[in-house]
């Protein structure tokens, strides 16, 4: 996990709003075998964060065998909110 957002190669950073078509096109160019799944999920959170202007933070949660885990996030606030929700049930 990253404590601060990283910018996918070739994508704008610094709070720029990303056009959804560009985000999906860039994601579509990502090879299925590379990078590892964790990096791909992190890229999805970054694209989502850059595409939805109102999103202060973004995270992806996976539920497996009744366990919830944040597998990717754009910042510590998103992670803290997820963990609070997990504790609350």
N, C-alpha and C. Protein backbone atom coordinates (compact mmCIF):
# COMPACT_ATOMS: atom_id res chain seq x y z
N UNK A 1 0.84 -1.18 0.00
CA UNK A 1 0.00 0.00 0.00
C UNK A 1 0.88 1.24 0.00
N UNK A 2 0.34 2.28 -0.53
CA UNK A 2 1.07 3.54 -0.59
C UNK A 2 0.42 4.54 0.36
N UNK A 3 1.26 5.25 1.12
CA UNK A 3 0.74 6.28 2.01
C UNK A 3 0.42 7.56 1.26
N UNK A 4 0.94 7.69 0.06
CA UNK A 4 0.63 8.85 -0.76
C UNK A 4 0.41 8.36 -2.18
N UNK A 5 -0.39 9.09 -2.94
CA UNK A 5 -0.67 8.64 -4.31
C UNK A 5 0.59 8.62 -5.16
N UNK A 6 0.65 7.65 -6.05
CA UNK A 6 1.69 7.65 -7.07
C UNK A 6 0.98 7.80 -8.40
N UNK A 7 1.65 8.41 -9.34
CA UNK A 7 1.03 8.62 -10.65
C UNK A 7 1.42 7.50 -11.59
N UNK A 8 0.44 6.88 -12.24
CA UNK A 8 0.75 5.89 -13.25
C UNK A 8 1.57 6.53 -14.36
N UNK A 9 2.43 5.76 -14.97
CA UNK A 9 3.28 6.27 -16.04
C UNK A 9 2.45 6.93 -17.13
N UNK A 10 2.82 8.14 -17.46
CA UNK A 10 2.16 8.85 -18.55
C UNK A 10 0.85 9.49 -18.20
N UNK A 11 0.44 9.46 -16.93
CA UNK A 11 -0.84 10.04 -16.55
C UNK A 11 -0.57 11.31 -15.76
N UNK A 12 -1.47 12.27 -15.84
CA UNK A 12 -1.27 13.53 -15.13
C UNK A 12 -1.37 13.32 -13.63
N UNK A 13 -0.69 14.16 -12.87
CA UNK A 13 -0.74 14.08 -11.42
C UNK A 13 -1.10 15.44 -10.84
N UNK A 14 -0.85 15.58 -9.57
CA UNK A 14 -1.05 16.86 -8.93
C UNK A 14 -2.48 17.31 -8.86
N UNK A 15 -3.44 16.37 -8.78
CA UNK A 15 -4.83 16.74 -8.63
C UNK A 15 -5.55 17.00 -9.94
N UNK A 16 -4.90 16.75 -11.08
CA UNK A 16 -5.57 16.93 -12.36
C UNK A 16 -6.71 15.94 -12.48
N UNK A 17 -7.84 16.39 -13.04
CA UNK A 17 -8.96 15.50 -13.29
C UNK A 17 -8.69 14.78 -14.60
N UNK A 18 -8.79 13.48 -14.56
CA UNK A 18 -8.50 12.64 -15.71
C UNK A 18 -9.78 12.30 -16.46
N UNK A 19 -9.76 12.42 -17.76
CA UNK A 19 -10.90 12.04 -18.59
C UNK A 19 -11.13 10.54 -18.46
N UNK A 20 -12.38 10.11 -18.19
CA UNK A 20 -12.64 8.67 -18.02
C UNK A 20 -12.18 7.83 -19.22
N UNK A 21 -12.36 8.34 -20.42
CA UNK A 21 -11.94 7.58 -21.61
C UNK A 21 -10.44 7.35 -21.60
N UNK A 22 -9.67 8.37 -21.20
CA UNK A 22 -8.21 8.22 -21.12
C UNK A 22 -7.83 7.22 -20.04
N UNK A 23 -8.55 7.27 -18.91
CA UNK A 23 -8.26 6.34 -17.82
C UNK A 23 -8.49 4.90 -18.25
N UNK A 24 -9.64 4.64 -18.87
CA UNK A 24 -9.94 3.28 -19.32
C UNK A 24 -8.99 2.83 -20.43
N UNK A 25 -8.63 3.75 -21.31
CA UNK A 25 -7.69 3.41 -22.38
C UNK A 25 -6.33 3.03 -21.80
N UNK A 26 -5.86 3.80 -20.83
CA UNK A 26 -4.57 3.50 -20.21
C UNK A 26 -4.63 2.19 -19.45
N UNK A 27 -5.73 1.96 -18.74
CA UNK A 27 -5.88 0.71 -18.02
C UNK A 27 -5.93 -0.48 -18.99
N UNK A 28 -6.58 -0.29 -20.13
CA UNK A 28 -6.66 -1.34 -21.13
C UNK A 28 -5.32 -1.69 -21.74
N UNK A 29 -4.37 -0.76 -21.70
CA UNK A 29 -3.04 -1.03 -22.22
C UNK A 29 -2.14 -1.73 -21.20
N UNK A 30 -2.64 -1.92 -19.98
CA UNK A 30 -1.86 -2.58 -18.93
C UNK A 30 -1.87 -4.08 -19.19
N UNK A 31 -0.69 -4.68 -19.34
CA UNK A 31 -0.65 -6.14 -19.56
C UNK A 31 -1.27 -6.89 -18.39
N UNK A 32 -1.92 -8.00 -18.69
CA UNK A 32 -2.60 -8.78 -17.66
C UNK A 32 -1.59 -9.42 -16.72
N UNK A 33 -0.45 -9.82 -17.21
CA UNK A 33 0.54 -10.51 -16.38
C UNK A 33 1.48 -9.55 -15.67
N UNK A 34 1.57 -8.34 -16.15
CA UNK A 34 2.44 -7.34 -15.53
C UNK A 34 1.71 -6.02 -15.50
N UNK A 35 1.72 -5.26 -14.50
CA UNK A 35 2.37 -5.50 -13.22
C UNK A 35 1.57 -6.47 -12.36
N UNK A 36 2.09 -6.80 -11.17
CA UNK A 36 1.35 -7.70 -10.27
C UNK A 36 -0.03 -7.13 -9.94
N UNK A 37 -0.93 -8.00 -9.50
CA UNK A 37 -2.31 -7.61 -9.22
C UNK A 37 -2.40 -6.42 -8.27
N UNK A 38 -1.60 -6.40 -7.22
CA UNK A 38 -1.63 -5.30 -6.27
C UNK A 38 -1.35 -3.96 -6.92
N UNK A 39 -0.39 -3.94 -7.83
CA UNK A 39 -0.08 -2.70 -8.55
C UNK A 39 -1.21 -2.31 -9.50
N UNK A 40 -1.83 -3.29 -10.12
CA UNK A 40 -2.96 -3.01 -11.01
C UNK A 40 -4.11 -2.41 -10.22
N UNK A 41 -4.42 -2.96 -9.05
CA UNK A 41 -5.49 -2.43 -8.21
C UNK A 41 -5.15 -1.02 -7.73
N UNK A 42 -3.87 -0.78 -7.43
CA UNK A 42 -3.45 0.56 -7.02
C UNK A 42 -3.65 1.54 -8.19
N UNK A 43 -3.33 1.11 -9.39
CA UNK A 43 -3.53 1.95 -10.57
C UNK A 43 -5.00 2.27 -10.76
N UNK A 44 -5.87 1.29 -10.53
CA UNK A 44 -7.31 1.52 -10.65
C UNK A 44 -7.76 2.58 -9.65
N UNK A 45 -7.27 2.51 -8.41
CA UNK A 45 -7.66 3.53 -7.43
C UNK A 45 -7.16 4.90 -7.85
N UNK A 46 -5.96 4.97 -8.41
CA UNK A 46 -5.42 6.26 -8.85
C UNK A 46 -6.23 6.83 -10.01
N UNK A 47 -6.54 6.00 -10.99
CA UNK A 47 -7.36 6.46 -12.12
C UNK A 47 -8.72 6.93 -11.62
N UNK A 48 -9.32 6.18 -10.70
CA UNK A 48 -10.62 6.56 -10.16
C UNK A 48 -10.53 7.90 -9.44
N UNK A 49 -9.50 8.05 -8.63
CA UNK A 49 -9.30 9.30 -7.89
C UNK A 49 -9.11 10.48 -8.84
N UNK A 50 -8.39 10.27 -9.93
CA UNK A 50 -8.14 11.34 -10.90
C UNK A 50 -9.33 11.58 -11.81
N UNK A 51 -10.23 10.61 -11.93
CA UNK A 51 -11.37 10.73 -12.83
C UNK A 51 -12.59 11.34 -12.14
N UNK A 52 -12.80 11.03 -10.88
CA UNK A 52 -13.95 11.54 -10.14
C UNK A 52 -13.49 12.72 -9.31
N UNK A 53 -13.76 13.91 -9.78
CA UNK A 53 -13.25 15.12 -9.16
C UNK A 53 -13.68 15.26 -7.70
N UNK A 54 -14.85 14.77 -7.34
CA UNK A 54 -15.36 14.91 -5.98
C UNK A 54 -14.79 13.88 -5.01
N UNK A 55 -14.03 12.93 -5.51
CA UNK A 55 -13.50 11.88 -4.64
C UNK A 55 -12.26 12.38 -3.90
N UNK A 56 -12.40 12.57 -2.58
CA UNK A 56 -11.27 13.01 -1.77
C UNK A 56 -10.23 11.90 -1.66
N UNK A 57 -10.67 10.67 -1.52
CA UNK A 57 -9.82 9.49 -1.44
C UNK A 57 -10.58 8.32 -2.07
N UNK A 58 -9.85 7.29 -2.47
CA UNK A 58 -10.45 6.12 -3.10
C UNK A 58 -9.77 4.87 -2.53
N UNK A 59 -10.56 3.81 -2.35
CA UNK A 59 -9.97 2.54 -1.91
C UNK A 59 -10.71 1.38 -2.56
N UNK A 60 -10.06 0.23 -2.55
CA UNK A 60 -10.67 -1.01 -3.00
C UNK A 60 -10.60 -1.99 -1.84
N UNK A 61 -11.76 -2.55 -1.50
CA UNK A 61 -11.86 -3.52 -0.43
C UNK A 61 -12.17 -4.88 -1.02
N UNK A 62 -11.51 -5.89 -0.51
CA UNK A 62 -11.77 -7.27 -0.91
C UNK A 62 -12.31 -8.00 0.32
N UNK A 63 -13.36 -8.79 0.10
CA UNK A 63 -13.91 -9.63 1.17
C UNK A 63 -13.68 -11.08 0.76
N UNK A 64 -12.94 -11.80 1.59
CA UNK A 64 -12.67 -13.21 1.33
C UNK A 64 -12.74 -13.97 2.64
N UNK A 65 -13.52 -15.03 2.67
CA UNK A 65 -13.69 -15.88 3.86
C UNK A 65 -14.04 -15.02 5.08
N UNK A 66 -15.01 -14.13 4.90
CA UNK A 66 -15.50 -13.25 5.96
C UNK A 66 -14.45 -12.28 6.51
N UNK A 67 -13.37 -12.07 5.80
CA UNK A 67 -12.34 -11.11 6.18
C UNK A 67 -12.34 -9.96 5.18
N UNK A 68 -12.34 -8.74 5.68
CA UNK A 68 -12.28 -7.57 4.81
C UNK A 68 -10.88 -6.98 4.86
N UNK A 69 -10.38 -6.58 3.70
CA UNK A 69 -9.05 -6.02 3.60
C UNK A 69 -9.04 -4.92 2.54
N UNK A 70 -8.42 -3.81 2.86
CA UNK A 70 -8.20 -2.77 1.87
C UNK A 70 -6.96 -3.17 1.08
N UNK A 71 -7.14 -3.44 -0.20
CA UNK A 71 -6.03 -3.92 -1.01
C UNK A 71 -5.33 -2.81 -1.78
N UNK A 72 -6.00 -1.66 -1.91
CA UNK A 72 -5.39 -0.50 -2.58
C UNK A 72 -6.11 0.75 -2.11
N UNK A 73 -5.36 1.83 -1.98
CA UNK A 73 -5.96 3.10 -1.56
C UNK A 73 -5.11 4.26 -2.03
N UNK A 74 -5.71 5.44 -2.05
CA UNK A 74 -4.99 6.62 -2.51
C UNK A 74 -4.43 7.46 -1.37
N UNK A 75 -4.72 7.10 -0.14
CA UNK A 75 -4.19 7.86 0.98
C UNK A 75 -4.57 7.26 2.31
N UNK A 76 -3.92 7.75 3.36
CA UNK A 76 -4.13 7.19 4.68
C UNK A 76 -5.55 7.45 5.20
N UNK A 77 -6.18 8.52 4.75
CA UNK A 77 -7.55 8.79 5.19
C UNK A 77 -8.50 7.69 4.70
N UNK A 78 -8.35 7.28 3.46
CA UNK A 78 -9.19 6.20 2.92
C UNK A 78 -8.97 4.92 3.70
N UNK A 79 -7.72 4.61 3.99
CA UNK A 79 -7.40 3.40 4.74
C UNK A 79 -8.00 3.47 6.14
N UNK A 80 -7.87 4.61 6.82
CA UNK A 80 -8.42 4.77 8.17
C UNK A 80 -9.94 4.63 8.17
N UNK A 81 -10.60 5.23 7.18
CA UNK A 81 -12.06 5.10 7.09
C UNK A 81 -12.48 3.65 6.86
N UNK A 82 -11.77 2.95 5.97
CA UNK A 82 -12.08 1.54 5.72
C UNK A 82 -11.91 0.74 7.01
N UNK A 83 -10.81 0.92 7.70
CA UNK A 83 -10.55 0.15 8.92
C UNK A 83 -11.61 0.44 9.98
N UNK A 84 -12.07 1.69 10.07
CA UNK A 84 -13.15 2.02 10.99
C UNK A 84 -14.44 1.30 10.64
N UNK A 85 -14.72 1.21 9.34
CA UNK A 85 -15.91 0.47 8.91
C UNK A 85 -15.78 -1.01 9.21
N UNK A 86 -14.58 -1.56 9.04
CA UNK A 86 -14.39 -2.98 9.34
C UNK A 86 -14.65 -3.25 10.82
N UNK A 87 -14.13 -2.38 11.68
CA UNK A 87 -14.33 -2.56 13.14
C UNK A 87 -15.80 -2.44 13.51
N UNK A 88 -16.52 -1.52 12.83
CA UNK A 88 -17.93 -1.29 13.14
C UNK A 88 -18.83 -2.42 12.64
N UNK A 89 -18.29 -3.19 11.70
CA UNK A 89 -19.07 -4.30 11.17
C UNK A 89 -19.84 -3.88 10.00
